[in-house]
Amino acid sequence: MNQREKLTKLLLKQSLIRLLNEKNISQISVKELCTAAGINRSTFYLHYANAYELLDNVEREIMDNTREYLGKIELGDNITYITAFLDYIKKNHDLFALMLFKSHDQPSFAQRLTNEVLMSIDRYVHITVPESMKRYTYAYLVNGSLAIIQEWIRDEFTMSSKVLAQLIFTLANHCLIPFESK
């Protein structure tokens, strides 16, 4: 990709993020995106079919960047990993606040992101839950963790990421206690 393409895509992504702070994706037109980015519509259509495809691209980029960041973490223990994820959210708080709180008329980005992180942890730490219950257990862990993270963002990160990671880990461990003796 040449510099002009990179700049065009960056301008479109930035424009989409600004507009998403004001309205849902269903209310954003290609014309409005192009005006905000300072490009013409034919240039937009060289890269994306519509605003939803651009949003999907932004979400995939966030997921890929998060996955890459977490892949570099030395996995000493689960709390270190969760803390690193929380630090990453805090460092990119404007983008994560938008993506975790705004409804984009799409499947929940927040749940997909949290699920990705939990599945990454599962690759290293195998929980002792019967396979038939694993999906339900992960749903519980994902939604609970997401609610905690959203509350932490609303509170403007008043709790340290390490303390919050410990809380998430402790609550997750407690929900798994019934399966440990089996």
C-alpha atoms as a PDB file:
ATOM      1  CA  MET A   1       0.000   0.000   0.000  1.00  0.00           C
ATOM      2  CA  ASN A   2       1.455   3.366  -0.955  1.00  0.00           C
ATOM      3  CA  GLN A   3       1.566   6.479   1.243  1.00  0.00           C
ATOM      4  CA  ARG A   4      -1.475   8.047  -0.412  1.00  0.00           C
ATOM      5  CA  GLU A   5      -3.608   4.943   0.232  1.00  0.00           C
ATOM      6  CA  LYS A   6      -2.442   4.779   3.841  1.00  0.00           C
ATOM      7  CA  LEU A   7      -3.269   8.449   4.360  1.00  0.00           C
ATOM      8  CA  THR A   8      -6.693   8.068   2.742  1.00  0.00           C
ATOM      9  CA  LYS A   9      -7.567   5.086   4.918  1.00  0.00           C
ATOM     10  CA  LEU A  10      -6.301   6.856   8.032  1.00  0.00           C
ATOM     11  CA  LEU A  11      -8.389   9.954   7.252  1.00  0.00           C
ATOM     12  CA  LEU A  12     -11.476   7.818   6.692  1.00  0.00           C
ATOM     13  CA  LYS A  13     -10.947   5.897   9.931  1.00  0.00           C
ATOM     14  CA  GLN A  14     -10.444   9.099  11.911  1.00  0.00           C
ATOM     15  CA  SER A  15     -13.552  10.627  10.341  1.00  0.00           C
ATOM     16  CA  LEU A  16     -15.594   7.536  11.144  1.00  0.00           C
ATOM     17  CA  ILE A  17     -14.453   7.594  14.774  1.00  0.00           C
ATOM     18  CA  ARG A  18     -15.334  11.299  15.107  1.00  0.00           C
ATOM     19  CA  LEU A  19     -18.769  10.707  13.576  1.00  0.00           C
ATOM     20  CA  LEU A  20     -19.414   7.638  15.733  1.00  0.00           C
ATOM     21  CA  ASN A  21     -19.026   9.853  18.789  1.00  0.00           C
ATOM     22  CA  GLU A  22     -22.099  11.743  17.555  1.00  0.00           C
ATOM     23  CA  LYS A  23     -24.323   9.063  15.999  1.00  0.00           C
ATOM     24  CA  ASN A  24     -24.808   5.375  15.155  1.00  0.00           C
ATOM     25  CA  ILE A  25     -23.242   3.827  12.083  1.00  0.00           C
ATOM     26  CA  SER A  26     -26.682   3.499  10.451  1.00  0.00           C
ATOM     27  CA  GLN A  27     -26.957   7.298  10.485  1.00  0.00           C
ATOM     28  CA  ILE A  28     -23.576   7.939   8.827  1.00  0.00           C
ATOM     29  CA  SER A  29     -23.564   8.315   5.055  1.00  0.00           C
ATOM     30  CA  VAL A  30     -20.621   7.800   2.731  1.00  0.00           C
ATOM     31  CA  LYS A  31     -21.027  11.412   1.619  1.00  0.00           C
ATOM     32  CA  GLU A  32     -20.728  12.597   5.223  1.00  0.00           C
ATOM     33  CA  LEU A  33     -17.643  10.423   5.781  1.00  0.00           C
ATOM     34  CA  CYS A  34     -15.987  11.764   2.633  1.00  0.00           C
ATOM     35  CA  THR A  35     -16.735  15.374   3.541  1.00  0.00           C
ATOM     36  CA  ALA A  36     -15.285  14.857   7.034  1.00  0.00           C
ATOM     37  CA  ALA A  37     -12.174  13.171   5.588  1.00  0.00           C
ATOM     38  CA  GLY A  38     -11.740  15.706   2.778  1.00  0.00           C
ATOM     39  CA  ILE A  39     -11.823  13.094   0.008  1.00  0.00           C
ATOM     40  CA  ASN A  40     -14.232  12.388  -2.821  1.00  0.00           C
ATOM     41  CA  ARG A  41     -16.696   9.513  -2.893  1.00  0.00           C
ATOM     42  CA  SER A  42     -15.010   7.676  -5.756  1.00  0.00           C
ATOM     43  CA  THR A  43     -11.860   7.461  -3.615  1.00  0.00           C
ATOM     44  CA  PHE A  44     -13.904   6.032  -0.743  1.00  0.00           C
ATOM     45  CA  TYR A  45     -15.366   3.347  -3.013  1.00  0.00           C
ATOM     46  CA  LEU A  46     -11.877   2.302  -4.126  1.00  0.00           C
ATOM     47  CA  HIS A  47     -11.332   1.058  -0.573  1.00  0.00           C
ATOM     48  CA  TYR A  48     -14.734   0.290   0.979  1.00  0.00           C
ATOM     49  CA  ALA A  49     -18.219  -0.644  -0.180  1.00  0.00           C
ATOM     50  CA  ASN A  50     -19.978   1.311   2.591  1.00  0.00           C
ATOM     51  CA  ALA A  51     -19.594   2.738   6.108  1.00  0.00           C
ATOM     52  CA  TYR A  52     -20.245  -0.674   7.685  1.00  0.00           C
ATOM     53  CA  GLU A  53     -17.286  -2.159   5.861  1.00  0.00           C
ATOM     54  CA  LEU A  54     -15.103   0.710   7.092  1.00  0.00           C
ATOM     55  CA  LEU A  55     -16.322   0.103  10.662  1.00  0.00           C
ATOM     56  CA  ASP A  56     -15.606  -3.598  10.298  1.00  0.00           C
ATOM     57  CA  ASN A  57     -12.103  -2.714   9.131  1.00  0.00           C
ATOM     58  CA  VAL A  58     -11.563  -0.435  12.147  1.00  0.00           C
ATOM     59  CA  GLU A  59     -12.803  -3.148  14.523  1.00  0.00           C
ATOM     60  CA  ARG A  60     -10.568  -5.795  12.911  1.00  0.00           C
ATOM     61  CA  GLU A  61      -7.601  -3.453  13.181  1.00  0.00           C
ATOM     62  CA  ILE A  62      -8.267  -2.906  16.888  1.00  0.00           C
ATOM     63  CA  MET A  63      -8.590  -6.663  17.428  1.00  0.00           C
ATOM     64  CA  ASP A  64      -5.397  -7.363  15.461  1.00  0.00           C
ATOM     65  CA  ASN A  65      -3.457  -4.665  17.313  1.00  0.00           C
ATOM     66  CA  THR A  66      -4.728  -5.951  20.656  1.00  0.00           C
ATOM     67  CA  ARG A  67      -3.849  -9.538  19.740  1.00  0.00           C
ATOM     68  CA  GLU A  68      -0.375  -8.436  18.615  1.00  0.00           C
ATOM     69  CA  TYR A  69       0.166  -6.422  21.804  1.00  0.00           C
ATOM     70  CA  LEU A  70      -0.949  -9.300  24.026  1.00  0.00           C
ATOM     71  CA  GLY A  71       1.145 -11.759  22.036  1.00  0.00           C
ATOM     72  CA  LYS A  72       4.249  -9.899  23.155  1.00  0.00           C
ATOM     73  CA  ILE A  73       3.394 -10.281  26.845  1.00  0.00           C
ATOM     74  CA  GLU A  74       5.477 -12.762  28.797  1.00  0.00           C
ATOM     75  CA  LEU A  75       2.820 -14.945  30.346  1.00  0.00           C
ATOM     76  CA  GLY A  76       4.076 -15.391  33.882  1.00  0.00           C
ATOM     77  CA  ASP A  77       0.592 -15.605  35.326  1.00  0.00           C
ATOM     78  CA  ASN A  78      -2.984 -14.710  34.440  1.00  0.00           C
ATOM     79  CA  ILE A  79      -2.967 -11.479  36.429  1.00  0.00           C
ATOM     80  CA  THR A  80       0.036 -10.191  34.470  1.00  0.00           C
ATOM     81  CA  TYR A  81      -1.786 -10.934  31.230  1.00  0.00           C
ATOM     82  CA  ILE A  82      -5.051  -9.329  32.340  1.00  0.00           C
ATOM     83  CA  THR A  83      -3.147  -6.319  33.690  1.00  0.00           C
ATOM     84  CA  ALA A  84      -1.400  -5.891  30.328  1.00  0.00           C
ATOM     85  CA  PHE A  85      -4.769  -5.985  28.563  1.00  0.00           C
ATOM     86  CA  LEU A  86      -6.197  -3.394  30.955  1.00  0.00           C
ATOM     87  CA  ASP A  87      -3.123  -1.187  30.518  1.00  0.00           C
ATOM     88  CA  TYR A  88      -3.623  -1.390  26.763  1.00  0.00           C
ATOM     89  CA  ILE A  89      -7.254  -0.299  27.134  1.00  0.00           C
ATOM     90  CA  LYS A  90      -6.220   2.587  29.379  1.00  0.00           C
ATOM     91  CA  LYS A  91      -3.509   3.693  26.948  1.00  0.00           C
ATOM     92  CA  ASN A  92      -6.061   3.722  24.098  1.00  0.00           C
ATOM     93  CA  HIS A  93      -8.996   4.810  26.249  1.00  0.00           C
ATOM     94  CA  ASP A  94     -10.681   7.149  23.730  1.00  0.00           C
ATOM     95  CA  LEU A  95     -10.934   4.463  21.096  1.00  0.00           C
ATOM     96  CA  PHE A  96     -11.947   1.715  23.534  1.00  0.00           C
ATOM     97  CA  ALA A  97     -14.526   3.923  25.260  1.00  0.00           C
ATOM     98  CA  LEU A  98     -16.134   4.569  21.888  1.00  0.00           C
ATOM     99  CA  MET A  99     -16.035   0.953  20.767  1.00  0.00           C
ATOM    100  CA  LEU A 100     -17.109  -0.541  24.111  1.00  0.00           C
ATOM    101  CA  PHE A 101     -20.011   1.829  24.807  1.00  0.00           C
ATOM    102  CA  LYS A 102     -21.472   2.930  21.496  1.00  0.00           C
ATOM    103  CA  SER A 103     -24.043   0.790  19.736  1.00  0.00           C
ATOM    104  CA  HIS A 104     -22.975   0.322  16.156  1.00  0.00           C
ATOM    105  CA  ASP A 105     -26.013  -1.698  15.075  1.00  0.00           C
ATOM    106  CA  GLN A 106     -23.616  -4.634  14.775  1.00  0.00           C
ATOM    107  CA  PRO A 107     -22.769  -7.675  16.905  1.00  0.00           C
ATOM    108  CA  SER A 108     -21.082  -6.476  20.060  1.00  0.00           C
ATOM    109  CA  PHE A 109     -17.469  -5.487  19.483  1.00  0.00           C
ATOM    110  CA  ALA A 110     -16.988  -5.433  23.245  1.00  0.00           C
ATOM    111  CA  GLN A 111     -17.982  -9.066  23.645  1.00  0.00           C
ATOM    112  CA  ARG A 112     -15.846 -10.183  20.699  1.00  0.00           C
ATOM    113  CA  LEU A 113     -12.824  -8.355  22.111  1.00  0.00           C
ATOM    114  CA  THR A 114     -13.245  -9.695  25.636  1.00  0.00           C
ATOM    115  CA  ASN A 115     -13.892 -13.172  24.277  1.00  0.00           C
ATOM    116  CA  GLU A 116     -10.670 -12.965  22.243  1.00  0.00           C
ATOM    117  CA  VAL A 117      -8.683 -12.119  25.372  1.00  0.00           C
ATOM    118  CA  LEU A 118     -10.278 -14.907  27.427  1.00  0.00           C
ATOM    119  CA  MET A 119      -9.646 -17.419  24.651  1.00  0.00           C
ATOM    120  CA  SER A 120      -6.011 -16.292  24.571  1.00  0.00           C
ATOM    121  CA  ILE A 121      -5.763 -17.008  28.280  1.00  0.00           C
ATOM    122  CA  ASP A 122      -7.414 -20.404  27.735  1.00  0.00           C
ATOM    123  CA  ARG A 123      -4.613 -21.364  25.348  1.00  0.00           C
ATOM    124  CA  TYR A 124      -2.227 -21.195  28.295  1.00  0.00           C
ATOM    125  CA  VAL A 125      -4.429 -22.043  31.265  1.00  0.00           C
ATOM    126  CA  HIS A 126      -6.961 -24.796  30.803  1.00  0.00           C
ATOM    127  CA  ILE A 127      -9.966 -24.514  33.061  1.00  0.00           C
ATOM    128  CA  THR A 128     -11.453 -27.673  34.487  1.00  0.00           C
ATOM    129  CA  VAL A 129     -14.996 -27.238  33.215  1.00  0.00           C
ATOM    130  CA  PRO A 130     -16.785 -30.035  31.382  1.00  0.00           C
ATOM    131  CA  GLU A 131     -16.666 -29.384  27.640  1.00  0.00           C
ATOM    132  CA  SER A 132     -20.480 -29.211  27.493  1.00  0.00           C
ATOM    133  CA  MET A 133     -20.430 -26.284  29.960  1.00  0.00           C
ATOM    134  CA  LYS A 134     -17.394 -24.446  28.616  1.00  0.00           C
ATOM    135  CA  ARG A 135     -19.361 -22.205  26.237  1.00  0.00           C
ATOM    136  CA  TYR A 136     -21.705 -21.126  29.039  1.00  0.00           C
ATOM    137  CA  THR A 137     -18.847 -20.587  31.449  1.00  0.00           C
ATOM    138  CA  TYR A 138     -17.008 -18.407  28.944  1.00  0.00           C
ATOM    139  CA  ALA A 139     -20.179 -16.419  28.258  1.00  0.00           C
ATOM    140  CA  TYR A 140     -20.458 -15.728  31.978  1.00  0.00           C
ATOM    141  CA  LEU A 141     -16.782 -14.791  32.291  1.00  0.00           C
ATOM    142  CA  VAL A 142     -16.833 -12.608  29.164  1.00  0.00           C
ATOM    143  CA  ASN A 143     -19.957 -10.675  30.110  1.00  0.00           C
ATOM    144  CA  GLY A 144     -18.891 -10.247  33.725  1.00  0.00           C
ATOM    145  CA  SER A 145     -15.405  -9.094  32.748  1.00  0.00           C
ATOM    146  CA  LEU A 146     -16.850  -6.722  30.166  1.00  0.00           C
ATOM    147  CA  ALA A 147     -19.169  -5.144  32.738  1.00  0.00           C
ATOM    148  CA  ILE A 148     -16.250  -4.645  35.135  1.00  0.00           C
ATOM    149  CA  ILE A 149     -14.079  -3.086  32.416  1.00  0.00           C
ATOM    150  CA  GLN A 150     -16.875  -0.768  31.312  1.00  0.00           C
ATOM    151  CA  GLU A 151     -17.417   0.356  34.897  1.00  0.00           C
ATOM    152  CA  TRP A 152     -13.671   0.983  35.234  1.00  0.00           C
ATOM    153  CA  ILE A 153     -13.714   3.181  32.118  1.00  0.00           C
ATOM    154  CA  ARG A 154     -16.803   5.065  33.414  1.00  0.00           C
ATOM    155  CA  ASP A 155     -14.929   5.651  36.682  1.00  0.00           C
ATOM    156  CA  GLU A 156     -12.059   7.094  34.632  1.00  0.00           C
ATOM    157  CA  PHE A 157      -9.597   4.431  35.773  1.00  0.00           C
ATOM    158  CA  THR A 158      -9.662   5.332  39.471  1.00  0.00           C
ATOM    159  CA  MET A 159      -8.600   1.776  40.334  1.00  0.00           C
ATOM    160  CA  SER A 160      -5.192   0.596  39.144  1.00  0.00           C
ATOM    161  CA  SER A 161      -5.149  -1.926  36.333  1.00  0.00           C
ATOM    162  CA  LYS A 162      -3.305  -4.407  38.567  1.00  0.00           C
ATOM    163  CA  VAL A 163      -5.973  -4.213  41.300  1.00  0.00           C
ATOM    164  CA  LEU A 164      -8.734  -4.534  38.698  1.00  0.00           C
ATOM    165  CA  ALA A 165      -6.965  -7.521  37.118  1.00  0.00           C
ATOM    166  CA  GLN A 166      -6.805  -9.148  40.541  1.00  0.00           C
ATOM    167  CA  LEU A 167     -10.544  -8.541  41.009  1.00  0.00           C
ATOM    168  CA  ILE A 168     -11.412 -10.037  37.611  1.00  0.00           C
ATOM    169  CA  PHE A 169      -9.173 -13.028  38.247  1.00  0.00           C
ATOM    170  CA  THR A 170     -10.557 -13.599  41.762  1.00  0.00           C
ATOM    171  CA  LEU A 171     -14.168 -13.433  40.596  1.00  0.00           C
ATOM    172  CA  ALA A 172     -13.410 -15.780  37.693  1.00  0.00           C
ATOM    173  CA  ASN A 173     -11.678 -18.215  40.031  1.00  0.00           C
ATOM    174  CA  HIS A 174     -14.646 -18.195  42.410  1.00  0.00           C
ATOM    175  CA  CYS A 175     -17.074 -19.085  39.647  1.00  0.00           C
ATOM    176  CA  LEU A 176     -14.873 -22.084  38.756  1.00  0.00           C
ATOM    177  CA  ILE A 177     -14.600 -23.503  42.318  1.00  0.00           C
ATOM    178  CA  PRO A 178     -17.514 -25.960  41.886  1.00  0.00           C
ATOM    179  CA  PHE A 179     -15.649 -27.648  39.019  1.00  0.00           C
ATOM    180  CA  GLU A 180     -12.290 -28.061  40.792  1.00  0.00           C
ATOM    181  CA  SER A 181     -13.303 -31.103  42.844  1.00  0.00           C
ATOM    182  CA  LYS A 182     -14.662 -33.007  39.835  1.00  0.00           C
END
